Amino acid sequence: MLVYTDVITPRIQYIFQYLGEKTGITFKLTDSIEEYKTATYPKINYSSNVISTDEFDIMPCGLLTETGINHKEIIPQTQNDLPVFFTTGGVFGFDLPAAIFYLISRYEEYDPFTPDKYGRYPYQNSLAHKGRFLQRPLVDEWVILFVSRLLNSFPSVEIKTPDFELIPTYDIDIAWSYLHKGWLRNIGGALKYPETSLERLRVLTGAQKDPFDCYDQLDAWHEKMNCKPIYFFPAGTKRTSLDKHISPYNRSYRKLIQRIAQKSDAGLHPSMYSNRHPESLSEEKKILEDIIGKPVHQSRQHYLWFKLPVTYRALIKAGITDDYSMGYGTINGFRASTSRSFLWYDLEKEQMTSLRIHPHAWMDANSFYEQKLNPDQAAKEFKDYQQVIQKVKGTWITVSHNHLLGQQKNWSGWATQYEQLISSELHSGQT
């Protein structure tokens, strides 16, 4: 399909590459009106010029021909129950490519902002929150609209139909609650939390299973459902107030990682320390690679901490190709307004990169710690997000933690509910 535009920019190339990836259409860009006029196959006019009266036209707002980062005051409107912005004209009534670009590039996160207590971008600043579409995969809905309008004008165009996909993922922040931490840490823990003393003693003497140890159960669930999860392991050597994981040189921890990596994908869970000391990121990746005996290309930031563009550039430099951090650490929802993966666009350098971003919309820690939901409420929220993603045939990445799926009394019953949820959602997605 031919796309005419007054000028071919990296942003325009990027967004039509994105639309091509999601629809299966090969878009060819041209800035030649003559080529556009003489083309006999389906074509799009992405310009303010009226070239013919019966064309498929998308009127640009100018964002994709700009360079640099300029603050945008945006007030979303509603068209046919869909939030839209950058309203112009043409077949959609708004600049759909530019609106997608604004959301998936995370353009707004380059604006100055007051960070939360961990230094992260707060969801309250986002257009999705202010426009009340944080709980919607709006970009996926726009792509469906794009396809629908194209087929109305060009019925013969072949479209790639996406499939719903479930990918369970796990952050192993602390592999065990009491085991393999040494007596000093356990004594300190008992003094700080005396109510755990009896359970701690029973676990350390072998009379009771460690409450964070749910790995055999997870293996059984995944085998029964025939799905391949991703586990993210911390491998930093520096302890901080937010990095309390077991040493990557602990023999039991290494054996655990090796056992899990034989059946599942293993990714890096970069430490908070590495955010202040980027040189340690490659060191942590190398340690994990030495443990599992193969390259590591996937990551998810601890506490979902990342700052654009520095964190993503550091990941690329370290050899990470796929990152799973695109979500908020205080609320569930679609941070980039999509459930599907996309290549990251570096706004400051004005170029598409090789780093693929895999967004998620639901994390158990948000449900329990931040949103203060009980297990039944968390299960309902889980189902709601799954149904929304199923409707757009998107990618349903769940983020869970071993300590919430273990045997802790505070979340009694959650593990059973979680098993039922991912099993039912996987099967419903395959029907």
Foldseek 3Di string as FASTA:
>chain_A
DEEEELDDAQLNVALVVVLCVQWVDDYDYDNDLVCVVPDPDAYEYADPDCSDDPHQYADALCPSVDADADDDDWDWDDDPNATDTQADDGPVRHRLSVRLSCLQLVSVLVDDDDAPPLRADDPCSDPCVVNVNQAALRNLVVSVVVVVVVCVVVVVDHTDDFFEAEAEEEEALAQFDQPPPDPVVVVVVCVVPVVCVVVNVCCVVVNDPTQLPCVVVVVVLCVVLVHAYEYAYEAADDDDPQRDYHHLPRPVVLVVLQVSVVGHHYAYAYASVCVVVVVCVLVRQVSSCVSNVHHHQEYEYRLLDDGPPVRVVSSVVSRHQEYESQAHSQAFGHSSSRQAKGFHARSNVSHTDRHIYHYAGEEPCNCCPRVNHALVVSLVVLVVSLVSCLVSSGYHYYYYYSSLLGPDPRRPPNVVSVSVSVSVSSVVSVD
